[in-house]
PDB file of N, CA and C in Angstrom:
ATOM      1  N   MET A   1     226.058 146.409  88.590  1.00  0.00           N
ATOM      2  CA  MET A   1     226.182 145.927  89.629  1.00  0.00           C
ATOM      3  C   MET A   1     225.521 144.768  90.068  1.00  0.00           C
ATOM      4  N   PRO A   2     225.842 143.517  90.236  1.00  0.00           N
ATOM      5  CA  PRO A   2     224.991 142.289  90.488  1.00  0.00           C
ATOM      6  C   PRO A   2     224.419 142.355  91.806  1.00  0.00           C
ATOM      7  N   THR A   3     222.964 141.927  91.824  1.00  0.00           N
ATOM      8  CA  THR A   3     222.102 142.136  93.108  1.00  0.00           C
ATOM      9  C   THR A   3     221.749 140.680  93.580  1.00  0.00           C
ATOM     10  N   LEU A   4     221.584 140.225  94.629  1.00  0.00           N
ATOM     11  CA  LEU A   4     221.292 139.127  94.959  1.00  0.00           C
ATOM     12  C   LEU A   4     219.840 138.942  95.329  1.00  0.00           C
ATOM     13  N   PRO A   5     219.160 137.875  94.799  1.00  0.00           N
ATOM     14  CA  PRO A   5     217.815 137.820  94.841  1.00  0.00           C
ATOM     15  C   PRO A   5     217.158 137.964  96.407  1.00  0.00           C
ATOM     16  N   ARG A   6     216.194 138.332  96.502  1.00  0.00           N
ATOM     17  CA  ARG A   6     215.720 138.568  97.862  1.00  0.00           C
ATOM     18  C   ARG A   6     215.101 137.169  98.441  1.00  0.00           C
ATOM     19  N   GLU A   7     215.410 136.802  99.699  1.00  0.00           N
ATOM     20  CA  GLU A   7     215.139 135.867 100.368  1.00  0.00           C
ATOM     21  C   GLU A   7     213.515 135.565 100.577  1.00  0.00           C
ATOM     22  N   GLN A   8     213.264 134.234  99.851  1.00  0.00           N
ATOM     23  CA  GLN A   8     211.957 134.152  99.897  1.00  0.00           C
ATOM     24  C   GLN A   8     211.593 133.400 101.277  1.00  0.00           C
ATOM     25  N   PRO A   9     210.446 133.715 101.830  1.00  0.00           N
ATOM     26  CA  PRO A   9     209.934 133.100 103.108  1.00  0.00           C
ATOM     27  C   PRO A   9     209.672 131.536 102.727  1.00  0.00           C
ATOM     28  N   GLU A  10     209.973 130.684 103.754  1.00  0.00           N
ATOM     29  CA  GLU A  10     209.726 129.196 103.708  1.00  0.00           C
ATOM     30  C   GLU A  10     208.164 128.937 103.450  1.00  0.00           C
ATOM     31  N   PRO A  11     207.817 128.166 102.576  1.00  0.00           N
ATOM     32  CA  PRO A  11     206.366 128.122 102.503  1.00  0.00           C
ATOM     33  C   PRO A  11     205.826 127.405 103.917  1.00  0.00           C
ATOM     34  N   SER A  12     204.751 127.776 104.501  1.00  0.00           N
ATOM     35  CA  SER A  12     204.252 127.323 105.600  1.00  0.00           C
ATOM     36  C   SER A  12     203.638 125.848 105.314  1.00  0.00           C
ATOM     37  N   SER A  13     203.922 125.196 106.320  1.00  0.00           N
ATOM     38  CA  SER A  13     203.570 123.568 106.286  1.00  0.00           C
ATOM     39  C   SER A  13     202.227 123.814 107.407  1.00  0.00           C
ATOM     40  N   PRO A  14     201.202 122.890 107.223  1.00  0.00           N
ATOM     41  CA  PRO A  14     200.111 122.847 108.309  1.00  0.00           C
ATOM     42  C   PRO A  14     200.681 122.750 109.767  1.00  0.00           C
ATOM     43  N   GLU A  15     200.002 123.351 110.424  1.00  0.00           N
ATOM     44  CA  GLU A  15     200.278 123.049 111.818  1.00  0.00           C
ATOM     45  C   GLU A  15     200.187 121.461 112.341  1.00  0.00           C
ATOM     46  N   PRO A  16     200.962 121.002 113.044  1.00  0.00           N
ATOM     47  CA  PRO A  16     200.889 119.593 113.302  1.00  0.00           C
ATOM     48  C   PRO A  16     199.788 119.052 113.843  1.00  0.00           C
ATOM     49  N   TYR A  17     198.944 119.766 114.861  1.00  0.00           N
ATOM     50  CA  TYR A  17     197.778 119.460 115.314  1.00  0.00           C
ATOM     51  C   TYR A  17     196.518 119.380 114.636  1.00  0.00           C
ATOM     52  N   LYS A  18     196.625 120.237 113.399  1.00  0.00           N
ATOM     53  CA  LYS A  18     195.669 120.137 112.278  1.00  0.00           C
ATOM     54  C   LYS A  18     195.914 118.827 111.406  1.00  0.00           C
ATOM     55  N   VAL A  19     197.221 118.439 110.955  1.00  0.00           N
ATOM     56  CA  VAL A  19     197.236 117.596 110.415  1.00  0.00           C
ATOM     57  C   VAL A  19     196.919 116.273 111.084  1.00  0.00           C
ATOM     58  N   ARG A  20     197.223 116.114 112.635  1.00  0.00           N
ATOM     59  CA  ARG A  20     196.992 114.981 113.287  1.00  0.00           C
ATOM     60  C   ARG A  20     195.429 114.802 113.212  1.00  0.00           C
ATOM     61  N   ARG A  21     194.721 115.981 113.454  1.00  0.00           N
ATOM     62  CA  ARG A  21     193.195 115.939 113.781  1.00  0.00           C
ATOM     63  C   ARG A  21     192.608 115.369 112.184  1.00  0.00           C
ATOM     64  N   MET A  22     193.020 115.853 111.459  1.00  0.00           N
ATOM     65  CA  MET A  22     192.602 115.182 110.107  1.00  0.00           C
ATOM     66  C   MET A  22     193.076 113.634 109.915  1.00  0.00           C
ATOM     67  N   ALA A  23     194.144 113.367 110.257  1.00  0.00           N
ATOM     68  CA  ALA A  23     194.521 111.813 110.024  1.00  0.00           C
ATOM     69  C   ALA A  23     193.555 111.012 110.966  1.00  0.00           C
ATOM     70  N   GLU A  24     193.399 111.538 112.299  1.00  0.00           N
ATOM     71  CA  GLU A  24     192.631 110.720 113.325  1.00  0.00           C
ATOM     72  C   GLU A  24     191.329 110.796 112.768  1.00  0.00           C
ATOM     73  N   SER A  25     190.729 111.609 111.858  1.00  0.00           N
ATOM     74  CA  SER A  25     189.253 111.506 111.553  1.00  0.00           C
ATOM     75  C   SER A  25     188.769 110.424 110.645  1.00  0.00           C
ATOM     76  N   PHE A  26     190.055 109.652 109.967  1.00  0.00           N
ATOM     77  CA  PHE A  26     189.642 108.547 109.365  1.00  0.00           C
ATOM     78  C   PHE A  26     189.146 107.457 110.336  1.00  0.00           C
ATOM     79  N   GLY A  27     189.699 107.497 111.276  1.00  0.00           N
ATOM     80  CA  GLY A  27     189.025 106.247 112.215  1.00  0.00           C
ATOM     81  C   GLY A  27     187.840 106.329 113.005  1.00  0.00           C
ATOM     82  N   VAL A  28     187.061 107.280 112.660  1.00  0.00           N
ATOM     83  CA  VAL A  28     185.882 107.704 113.143  1.00  0.00           C
ATOM     84  C   VAL A  28     184.744 106.834 112.808  1.00  0.00           C
ATOM     85  N   ASP A  29     184.961 106.353 111.710  1.00  0.00           N
ATOM     86  CA  ASP A  29     183.867 105.330 111.000  1.00  0.00           C
ATOM     87  C   ASP A  29     184.540 104.426 110.034  1.00  0.00           C
ATOM     88  N   THR A  30     185.470 103.320 110.768  1.00  0.00           N
ATOM     89  CA  THR A  30     186.307 102.605 110.060  1.00  0.00           C
ATOM     90  C   THR A  30     185.673 101.821 109.148  1.00  0.00           C
ATOM     91  N   GLN A  31     184.221 101.313 109.309  1.00  0.00           N
ATOM     92  CA  GLN A  31     183.666 100.597 108.212  1.00  0.00           C
ATOM     93  C   GLN A  31     183.028 101.132 106.877  1.00  0.00           C
ATOM     94  N   ARG A  32     182.662 102.496 107.123  1.00  0.00           N
ATOM     95  CA  ARG A  32     182.475 103.500 105.937  1.00  0.00           C
ATOM     96  C   ARG A  32     183.968 103.828 105.148  1.00  0.00           C
ATOM     97  N   TYR A  33     185.070 104.103 105.927  1.00  0.00           N
ATOM     98  CA  TYR A  33     186.103 104.379 105.326  1.00  0.00           C
ATOM     99  C   TYR A  33     186.623 103.065 104.427  1.00  0.00           C
ATOM    100  N   ASP A  34     186.651 102.106 105.046  1.00  0.00           N
ATOM    101  CA  ASP A  34     187.204 100.790 104.332  1.00  0.00           C
ATOM    102  C   ASP A  34     186.210 100.406 103.140  1.00  0.00           C
ATOM    103  N   ARG A  35     184.992 101.107 103.082  1.00  0.00           N
ATOM    104  CA  ARG A  35     183.887 100.828 101.971  1.00  0.00           C
ATOM    105  C   ARG A  35     184.125 101.637 101.001  1.00  0.00           C
ATOM    106  N   ALA A  36     184.518 102.881 101.606  1.00  0.00           N
ATOM    107  CA  ALA A  36     184.462 104.023 100.435  1.00  0.00           C
ATOM    108  C   ALA A  36     185.943 104.018  99.661  1.00  0.00           C
ATOM    109  N   ARG A  37     187.040 103.461 100.406  1.00  0.00           N
ATOM    110  CA  ARG A  37     188.354 103.440  99.560  1.00  0.00           C
ATOM    111  C   ARG A  37     188.538 102.667  98.581  1.00  0.00           C
ATOM    112  N   PRO A  38     188.846 102.854  97.536  1.00  0.00           N
ATOM    113  CA  PRO A  38     189.209 101.673  96.534  1.00  0.00           C
ATOM    114  C   PRO A  38     190.280 100.911  96.906  1.00  0.00           C
ATOM    115  N   GLY A  39     190.483  99.722  96.142  1.00  0.00           N
ATOM    116  CA  GLY A  39     191.688  98.845  96.470  1.00  0.00           C
ATOM    117  C   GLY A  39     192.760  99.488  95.403  1.00  0.00           C
ATOM    118  N   TYR A  40     193.850  98.838  95.342  1.00  0.00           N
ATOM    119  CA  TYR A  40     194.925  99.183  94.495  1.00  0.00           C
ATOM    120  C   TYR A  40     194.943  98.268  93.243  1.00  0.00           C
ATOM    121  N   PRO A  41     195.454  98.698  92.138  1.00  0.00           N
ATOM    122  CA  PRO A  41     195.821  97.850  91.014  1.00  0.00           C
ATOM    123  C   PRO A  41     196.373  96.643  91.235  1.00  0.00           C
ATOM    124  N   GLU A  42     195.586  95.522  90.982  1.00  0.00           N
ATOM    125  CA  GLU A  42     196.301  94.335  90.949  1.00  0.00           C
ATOM    126  C   GLU A  42     197.581  94.008  90.340  1.00  0.00           C
ATOM    127  N   ALA A  43     197.594  94.749  89.251  1.00  0.00           N
ATOM    128  CA  ALA A  43     198.919  94.556  88.397  1.00  0.00           C
ATOM    129  C   ALA A  43     200.209  95.076  89.302  1.00  0.00           C
ATOM    130  N   LEU A  44     199.759  96.134  90.157  1.00  0.00           N
ATOM    131  CA  LEU A  44     201.036  96.759  90.989  1.00  0.00           C
ATOM    132  C   LEU A  44     201.259  95.636  92.315  1.00  0.00           C
ATOM    133  N   VAL A  45     200.293  95.181  92.598  1.00  0.00           N
ATOM    134  CA  VAL A  45     200.515  94.049  93.806  1.00  0.00           C
ATOM    135  C   VAL A  45     201.365  92.834  93.417  1.00  0.00           C
ATOM    136  N   ALA A  46     200.837  92.421  92.126  1.00  0.00           N
ATOM    137  CA  ALA A  46     201.593  91.232  91.412  1.00  0.00           C
ATOM    138  C   ALA A  46     202.876  91.650  91.109  1.00  0.00           C
ATOM    139  N   ARG A  47     203.247  92.958  90.662  1.00  0.00           N
ATOM    140  CA  ARG A  47     204.757  93.268  90.452  1.00  0.00           C
ATOM    141  C   ARG A  47     205.554  93.271  91.714  1.00  0.00           C
ATOM    142  N   ILE A  48     205.013  93.694  92.721  1.00  0.00           N
ATOM    143  CA  ILE A  48     205.770  93.693  94.021  1.00  0.00           C
ATOM    144  C   ILE A  48     205.866  92.264  94.592  1.00  0.00           C
ATOM    145  N   VAL A  49     204.840  91.231  94.304  1.00  0.00           N
ATOM    146  CA  VAL A  49     205.062  90.212  94.776  1.00  0.00           C
ATOM    147  C   VAL A  49     205.893  89.193  93.966  1.00  0.00           C
ATOM    148  N   ALA A  50     205.994  89.581  92.753  1.00  0.00           N
ATOM    149  CA  ALA A  50     206.688  89.043  91.507  1.00  0.00           C
ATOM    150  C   ALA A  50     208.335  89.177  91.978  1.00  0.00           C
ATOM    151  N   ALA A  51     208.750  90.021  92.906  1.00  0.00           N
ATOM    152  CA  ALA A  51     210.222  90.194  93.109  1.00  0.00           C
ATOM    153  C   ALA A  51     210.656  89.398  94.237  1.00  0.00           C
ATOM    154  N   GLY A  52     209.844  88.415  94.649  1.00  0.00           N
ATOM    155  CA  GLY A  52     210.371  87.341  95.346  1.00  0.00           C
ATOM    156  C   GLY A  52     209.277  86.399  95.897  1.00  0.00           C
ATOM    157  N   PRO A  53     209.431  85.176  96.046  1.00  0.00           N
ATOM    158  CA  PRO A  53     208.217  84.103  96.250  1.00  0.00           C
ATOM    159  C   PRO A  53     207.698  84.642  97.642  1.00  0.00           C
ATOM    160  N   ALA A  54     206.390  84.905  97.563  1.00  0.00           N
ATOM    161  CA  ALA A  54     205.619  84.995  98.830  1.00  0.00           C
ATOM    162  C   ALA A  54     206.269  85.994  99.784  1.00  0.00           C
ATOM    163  N   PRO A  55     206.676  87.021  99.383  1.00  0.00           N
ATOM    164  CA  PRO A  55     207.502  88.001 100.253  1.00  0.00           C
ATOM    165  C   PRO A  55     206.763  88.503 101.567  1.00  0.00           C
ATOM    166  N   ASP A  56     207.562  88.405 102.497  1.00  0.00           N
ATOM    167  CA  ASP A  56     207.193  89.285 103.818  1.00  0.00           C
ATOM    168  C   ASP A  56     207.007  90.622 103.455  1.00  0.00           C
ATOM    169  N   VAL A  57     205.892  91.117 104.036  1.00  0.00           N
ATOM    170  CA  VAL A  57     205.579  92.529 103.627  1.00  0.00           C
ATOM    171  C   VAL A  57     205.026  93.361 104.882  1.00  0.00           C
ATOM    172  N   LEU A  58     205.864  94.522 104.846  1.00  0.00           N
ATOM    173  CA  LEU A  58     205.496  95.536 105.997  1.00  0.00           C
ATOM    174  C   LEU A  58     204.751  96.538 105.347  1.00  0.00           C
ATOM    175  N   ASP A  59     203.357  96.734 105.931  1.00  0.00           N
ATOM    176  CA  ASP A  59     202.546  97.749 105.357  1.00  0.00           C
ATOM    177  C   ASP A  59     202.442  98.926 106.467  1.00  0.00           C
ATOM    178  N   VAL A  60     202.985 100.118 105.961  1.00  0.00           N
ATOM    179  CA  VAL A  60     203.243 101.442 106.850  1.00  0.00           C
ATOM    180  C   VAL A  60     201.853 102.192 106.663  1.00  0.00           C
ATOM    181  N   GLY A  61     201.332 102.414 107.950  1.00  0.00           N
ATOM    182  CA  GLY A  61     199.943 103.164 107.931  1.00  0.00           C
ATOM    183  C   GLY A  61     199.132 102.495 107.208  1.00  0.00           C
ATOM    184  N   CYS A  62     198.781 101.172 107.719  1.00  0.00           N
ATOM    185  CA  CYS A  62     197.865 100.183 106.846  1.00  0.00           C
ATOM    186  C   CYS A  62     196.304 100.569 107.020  1.00  0.00           C
ATOM    187  N   GLY A  63     196.052 101.231 108.047  1.00  0.00           N
ATOM    188  CA  GLY A  63     194.894 101.715 107.956  1.00  0.00           C
ATOM    189  C   GLY A  63     193.863 100.587 108.272  1.00  0.00           C
ATOM    190  N   THR A  64     192.826 100.528 107.611  1.00  0.00           N
ATOM    191  CA  THR A  64     191.981  99.301 107.842  1.00  0.00           C
ATOM    192  C   THR A  64     192.400  97.962 106.958  1.00  0.00           C
ATOM    193  N   GLY A  65     193.623  98.185 106.369  1.00  0.00           N
ATOM    194  CA  GLY A  65     194.162  96.754 105.743  1.00  0.00           C
ATOM    195  C   GLY A  65     193.823  96.645 104.272  1.00  0.00           C
ATOM    196  N   ILE A  66     193.265  97.737 103.764  1.00  0.00           N
ATOM    197  CA  ILE A  66     193.026  97.415 102.243  1.00  0.00           C
ATOM    198  C   ILE A  66     194.100  96.926 101.384  1.00  0.00           C
ATOM    199  N   ALA A  67     195.233  97.737 101.434  1.00  0.00           N
ATOM    200  CA  ALA A  67     196.384  96.886 100.701  1.00  0.00           C
ATOM    201  C   ALA A  67     196.993  95.717 101.486  1.00  0.00           C
ATOM    202  N   ALA A  68     196.901  95.587 102.579  1.00  0.00           N
ATOM    203  CA  ALA A  68     197.593  94.356 103.140  1.00  0.00           C
ATOM    204  C   ALA A  68     196.643  93.256 103.018  1.00  0.00           C
ATOM    205  N   ARG A  69     195.263  93.540 102.736  1.00  0.00           N
ATOM    206  CA  ARG A  69     194.364  92.273 102.301  1.00  0.00           C
ATOM    207  C   ARG A  69     194.945  91.900 101.150  1.00  0.00           C
ATOM    208  N   GLN A  70     195.154  92.667 100.102  1.00  0.00           N
ATOM    209  CA  GLN A  70     195.713  92.404  98.753  1.00  0.00           C
ATOM    210  C   GLN A  70     196.837  91.611  98.901  1.00  0.00           C
ATOM    211  N   PHE A  71     197.626  92.096  99.511  1.00  0.00           N
ATOM    212  CA  PHE A  71     198.986  91.340  99.609  1.00  0.00           C
ATOM    213  C   PHE A  71     198.776  89.964 100.042  1.00  0.00           C
ATOM    214  N   GLN A  72     197.964  90.011 101.019  1.00  0.00           N
ATOM    215  CA  GLN A  72     197.739  88.739 102.019  1.00  0.00           C
ATOM    216  C   GLN A  72     197.119  87.657 101.050  1.00  0.00           C
ATOM    217  N   ALA A  73     196.128  88.109 100.003  1.00  0.00           N
ATOM    218  CA  ALA A  73     195.341  87.388  99.507  1.00  0.00           C
ATOM    219  C   ALA A  73     196.557  86.922  97.971  1.00  0.00           C
ATOM    220  N   ALA A  74     197.393  87.568  97.944  1.00  0.00           N
ATOM    221  CA  ALA A  74     198.508  86.993  96.843  1.00  0.00           C
ATOM    222  C   ALA A  74     199.497  86.269  97.683  1.00  0.00           C
ATOM    223  N   GLY A  75     199.431  85.850  98.446  1.00  0.00           N
ATOM    224  CA  GLY A  75     200.105  84.808  99.388  1.00  0.00           C
ATOM    225  C   GLY A  75     201.230  85.263 100.173  1.00  0.00           C
ATOM    226  N   CYS A  76     201.251  86.631 100.402  1.00  0.00           N
ATOM    227  CA  CYS A  76     202.323  87.407 101.372  1.00  0.00           C
ATOM    228  C   CYS A  76     201.864  87.131 102.975  1.00  0.00           C
ATOM    229  N   ALA A  77     202.944  87.238 103.489  1.00  0.00           N
ATOM    230  CA  ALA A  77     202.641  87.482 105.116  1.00  0.00           C
ATOM    231  C   ALA A  77     202.972  88.881 105.392  1.00  0.00           C
ATOM    232  N   VAL A  78     201.930  89.402 105.682  1.00  0.00           N
ATOM    233  CA  VAL A  78     201.708  90.934 106.155  1.00  0.00           C
ATOM    234  C   VAL A  78     201.786  91.126 107.458  1.00  0.00           C
ATOM    235  N   LEU A  79     202.618  92.612 107.885  1.00  0.00           N
ATOM    236  CA  LEU A  79     202.482  93.000 109.135  1.00  0.00           C
ATOM    237  C   LEU A  79     202.301  94.338 109.085  1.00  0.00           C
ATOM    238  N   GLY A  80     200.970  94.896 109.497  1.00  0.00           N
ATOM    239  CA  GLY A  80     200.690  96.265 109.379  1.00  0.00           C
ATOM    240  C   GLY A  80     201.163  97.219 110.692  1.00  0.00           C
ATOM    241  N   VAL A  81     201.494  98.257 110.450  1.00  0.00           N
ATOM    242  CA  VAL A  81     201.873  99.273 111.265  1.00  0.00           C
ATOM    243  C   VAL A  81     200.897 100.365 111.268  1.00  0.00           C
ATOM    244  N   GLU A  82     200.061 100.455 112.285  1.00  0.00           N
ATOM    245  CA  GLU A  82     199.138 101.584 112.320  1.00  0.00           C
ATOM    246  C   GLU A  82     198.894 102.357 113.515  1.00  0.00           C
ATOM    247  N   PRO A  83     198.848 103.655 113.259  1.00  0.00           N
ATOM    248  CA  PRO A  83     198.963 104.761 114.734  1.00  0.00           C
ATOM    249  C   PRO A  83     197.518 104.562 115.390  1.00  0.00           C
ATOM    250  N   ASP A  84     196.629 104.477 114.460  1.00  0.00           N
ATOM    251  CA  ASP A  84     195.173 104.627 115.032  1.00  0.00           C
ATOM    252  C   ASP A  84     194.660 103.274 115.605  1.00  0.00           C
ATOM    253  N   VAL A  85     194.300 103.221 116.638  1.00  0.00           N
ATOM    254  CA  VAL A  85     193.907 101.884 117.462  1.00  0.00           C
ATOM    255  C   VAL A  85     192.549 101.441 116.734  1.00  0.00           C
ATOM    256  N   ARG A  86     191.604 102.292 116.354  1.00  0.00           N
ATOM    257  CA  ARG A  86     190.440 102.045 115.649  1.00  0.00           C
ATOM    258  C   ARG A  86     190.646 101.228 114.454  1.00  0.00           C
ATOM    259  N   MET A  87     191.437 101.984 113.574  1.00  0.00           N
ATOM    260  CA  MET A  87     191.652 101.322 112.373  1.00  0.00           C
ATOM    261  C   MET A  87     192.516 100.012 112.406  1.00  0.00           C
ATOM    262  N   ALA A  88     193.532  99.942 113.225  1.00  0.00           N
ATOM    263  CA  ALA A  88     194.151  98.622 113.467  1.00  0.00           C
ATOM    264  C   ALA A  88     193.276  97.478 113.911  1.00  0.00           C
ATOM    265  N   GLY A  89     192.105  97.867 114.762  1.00  0.00           N
ATOM    266  CA  GLY A  89     191.264  96.800 115.410  1.00  0.00           C
ATOM    267  C   GLY A  89     190.350  96.463 114.241  1.00  0.00           C
ATOM    268  N   PHE A  90     189.887  97.489 113.315  1.00  0.00           N
ATOM    269  CA  PHE A  90     189.188  96.717 111.951  1.00  0.00           C
ATOM    270  C   PHE A  90     190.037  95.933 111.080  1.00  0.00           C
ATOM    271  N   ALA A  91     191.270  96.240 110.902  1.00  0.00           N
ATOM    272  CA  ALA A  91     192.347  95.465 110.122  1.00  0.00           C
ATOM    273  C   ALA A  91     192.427  93.988 110.963  1.00  0.00           C
ATOM    274  N   ARG A  92     192.606  93.864 112.149  1.00  0.00           N
ATOM    275  CA  ARG A  92     192.984  92.753 112.799  1.00  0.00           C
ATOM    276  C   ARG A  92     191.502  91.844 112.701  1.00  0.00           C
ATOM    277  N   ALA A  93     190.239  92.462 112.407  1.00  0.00           N
ATOM    278  CA  ALA A  93     189.090  91.608 112.661  1.00  0.00           C
ATOM    279  C   ALA A  93     188.941  91.202 111.186  1.00  0.00           C
ATOM    280  N   ARG A  94     189.779  91.582 110.275  1.00  0.00           N
ATOM    281  CA  ARG A  94     189.722  90.987 109.105  1.00  0.00           C
ATOM    282  C   ARG A  94     190.937  90.133 108.710  1.00  0.00           C
ATOM    283  N   GLY A  95     191.644  89.676 109.839  1.00  0.00           N
ATOM    284  CA  GLY A  95     192.643  88.589 110.033  1.00  0.00           C
ATOM    285  C   GLY A  95     194.170  89.123 109.583  1.00  0.00           C
ATOM    286  N   LEU A  96     194.128  90.417 109.666  1.00  0.00           N
ATOM    287  CA  LEU A  96     195.693  90.918 109.617  1.00  0.00           C
ATOM    288  C   LEU A  96     196.331  91.107 110.959  1.00  0.00           C
ATOM    289  N   GLN A  97     197.448  91.076 110.742  1.00  0.00           N
ATOM    290  CA  GLN A  97     198.394  91.176 111.969  1.00  0.00           C
ATOM    291  C   GLN A  97     198.768  92.532 111.862  1.00  0.00           C
ATOM    292  N   VAL A  98     198.475  93.227 113.118  1.00  0.00           N
ATOM    293  CA  VAL A  98     198.899  94.636 113.040  1.00  0.00           C
ATOM    294  C   VAL A  98     199.309  95.186 114.355  1.00  0.00           C
ATOM    295  N   GLU A  99     200.343  95.950 114.249  1.00  0.00           N
ATOM    296  CA  GLU A  99     200.882  96.676 115.668  1.00  0.00           C
ATOM    297  C   GLU A  99     200.643  98.051 115.762  1.00  0.00           C
ATOM    298  N   VAL A 100     200.128  98.593 116.844  1.00  0.00           N
ATOM    299  CA  VAL A 100     199.491  99.855 117.067  1.00  0.00           C
ATOM    300  C   VAL A 100     200.958 100.707 117.197  1.00  0.00           C
ATOM    301  N   ALA A 101     201.448 101.628 116.406  1.00  0.00           N
ATOM    302  CA  ALA A 101     202.544 102.597 116.599  1.00  0.00           C
ATOM    303  C   ALA A 101     202.496 103.435 115.366  1.00  0.00           C
ATOM    304  N   ALA A 102     203.236 104.446 115.722  1.00  0.00           N
ATOM    305  CA  ALA A 102     203.609 105.460 114.542  1.00  0.00           C
ATOM    306  C   ALA A 102     204.969 104.805 114.121  1.00  0.00           C
ATOM    307  N   PHE A 103     204.900 105.006 113.006  1.00  0.00           N
ATOM    308  CA  PHE A 103     206.099 104.063 111.886  1.00  0.00           C
ATOM    309  C   PHE A 103     207.530 104.678 112.633  1.00  0.00           C
ATOM    310  N   GLU A 104     207.457 106.164 112.806  1.00  0.00           N
ATOM    311  CA  GLU A 104     208.739 106.680 113.229  1.00  0.00           C
ATOM    312  C   GLU A 104     209.142 105.988 114.618  1.00  0.00           C
ATOM    313  N   THR A 105     208.146 105.539 115.330  1.00  0.00           N
ATOM    314  CA  THR A 105     208.771 105.049 116.724  1.00  0.00           C
ATOM    315  C   THR A 105     208.367 103.827 117.048  1.00  0.00           C
ATOM    316  N   TRP A 106     208.079 102.822 115.948  1.00  0.00           N
ATOM    317  CA  TRP A 106     207.754 101.547 115.691  1.00  0.00           C
ATOM    318  C   TRP A 106     209.131 100.957 115.838  1.00  0.00           C
ATOM    319  N   GLN A 107     209.196  99.679 116.677  1.00  0.00           N
ATOM    320  CA  GLN A 107     210.547  98.888 116.873  1.00  0.00           C
ATOM    321  C   GLN A 107     210.370  97.581 116.156  1.00  0.00           C
ATOM    322  N   PRO A 108     211.097  97.278 115.004  1.00  0.00           N
ATOM    323  CA  PRO A 108     210.963  96.300 114.317  1.00  0.00           C
ATOM    324  C   PRO A 108     211.555  95.065 114.905  1.00  0.00           C
ATOM    325  N   ALA A 109     212.301  95.228 116.147  1.00  0.00           N
ATOM    326  CA  ALA A 109     212.817  93.917 117.092  1.00  0.00           C
ATOM    327  C   ALA A 109     213.651  93.165 116.164  1.00  0.00           C
ATOM    328  N   GLY A 110     214.376  93.397 115.225  1.00  0.00           N
ATOM    329  CA  GLY A 110     215.070  92.605 114.418  1.00  0.00           C
ATOM    330  C   GLY A 110     214.554  92.096 113.368  1.00  0.00           C
ATOM    331  N   ARG A 111     213.348  92.073 113.361  1.00  0.00           N
ATOM    332  CA  ARG A 111     212.647  91.601 111.994  1.00  0.00           C
ATOM    333  C   ARG A 111     212.914  92.222 110.692  1.00  0.00           C
ATOM    334  N   THR A 112     212.959  91.591 109.526  1.00  0.00           N
ATOM    335  CA  THR A 112     213.236  92.122 108.218  1.00  0.00           C
ATOM    336  C   THR A 112     211.940  91.796 107.337  1.00  0.00           C
ATOM    337  N   TYR A 113     211.858  92.404 106.091  1.00  0.00           N
ATOM    338  CA  TYR A 113     210.918  92.165 105.243  1.00  0.00           C
ATOM    339  C   TYR A 113     211.275  92.311 103.779  1.00  0.00           C
ATOM    340  N   ASP A 114     210.903  91.948 102.947  1.00  0.00           N
ATOM    341  CA  ASP A 114     211.159  91.877 101.611  1.00  0.00           C
ATOM    342  C   ASP A 114     210.518  93.045 100.764  1.00  0.00           C
ATOM    343  N   ALA A 115     209.561  93.520 101.544  1.00  0.00           N
ATOM    344  CA  ALA A 115     208.878  94.684 100.712  1.00  0.00           C
ATOM    345  C   ALA A 115     208.239  95.435 101.867  1.00  0.00           C
ATOM    346  N   VAL A 116     208.481  96.918 101.764  1.00  0.00           N
ATOM    347  CA  VAL A 116     207.813  97.849 102.452  1.00  0.00           C
ATOM    348  C   VAL A 116     206.870  98.578 101.645  1.00  0.00           C
ATOM    349  N   VAL A 117     205.593  98.736 102.219  1.00  0.00           N
ATOM    350  CA  VAL A 117     204.764  99.556 101.264  1.00  0.00           C
ATOM    351  C   VAL A 117     204.096 100.396 102.320  1.00  0.00           C
ATOM    352  N   ALA A 118     203.759 101.712 101.629  1.00  0.00           N
ATOM    353  CA  ALA A 118     202.566 102.400 102.136  1.00  0.00           C
ATOM    354  C   ALA A 118     201.635 102.882 101.223  1.00  0.00           C
ATOM    355  N   ALA A 119     200.681 102.228 101.040  1.00  0.00           N
ATOM    356  CA  ALA A 119     199.558 102.765 100.225  1.00  0.00           C
ATOM    357  C   ALA A 119     198.647 103.794 100.701  1.00  0.00           C
ATOM    358  N   GLN A 120     198.674 104.748  99.502  1.00  0.00           N
ATOM    359  CA  GLN A 120     197.661 105.718  99.609  1.00  0.00           C
ATOM    360  C   GLN A 120     196.842 106.184  98.366  1.00  0.00           C
ATOM    361  N   ASN A 121     195.627 106.251  98.458  1.00  0.00           N
ATOM    362  CA  ASN A 121     194.800 106.353  97.284  1.00  0.00           C
ATOM    363  C   ASN A 121     194.665 107.967  96.829  1.00  0.00           C
ATOM    364  N   ARG A 122     194.859 108.380  95.970  1.00  0.00           N
ATOM    365  CA  ARG A 122     194.647 109.820  95.299  1.00  0.00           C
ATOM    366  C   ARG A 122     193.219 110.033  94.746  1.00  0.00           C
ATOM    367  N   PRO A 123     192.835 111.179  95.213  1.00  0.00           N
ATOM    368  CA  PRO A 123     191.227 111.617  94.427  1.00  0.00           C
ATOM    369  C   PRO A 123     191.584 111.514  92.858  1.00  0.00           C
ATOM    370  N   SER A 124     190.837 111.380  91.967  1.00  0.00           N
ATOM    371  CA  SER A 124     190.793 111.293  90.634  1.00  0.00           C
ATOM    372  C   SER A 124     190.948 112.734  90.233  1.00  0.00           C
ATOM    373  N   THR A 125     191.702 113.188  89.134  1.00  0.00           N
ATOM    374  CA  THR A 125     191.722 114.494  88.868  1.00  0.00           C
ATOM    375  C   THR A 125     191.209 114.831  87.443  1.00  0.00           C
ATOM    376  N   ALA A 126     190.341 113.460  86.919  1.00  0.00           N
ATOM    377  CA  ALA A 126     189.366 113.468  85.811  1.00  0.00           C
ATOM    378  C   ALA A 126     188.215 114.094  85.971  1.00  0.00           C
TER     379      ALA A 126
END
């Protein structure tokens, strides 16, 4: 007689308030955060830029603007969307245009972009 597998419980996800607390901790010391986070491979930036001449780039969760500055240096017009006002202020002080909002609630107001990026560094596993 065939049997059905037992239902497995859904893996628990972190409670939203804990995830939010961790995300908001990055803005406590924006200068240190910006110094400690590495940039992104220039070849990656070049490949995205090569898809079109000086594309308009939307940087989702731009933080202090590490990736956005690289795209700007490559000739792109960049708009960052960042929910943390402290991170957005740091990025603005470095010449970036940033709108403070969570991407899920951000309003593009009819604007379009050639590329949308959401850069994140991962810790090395080596």
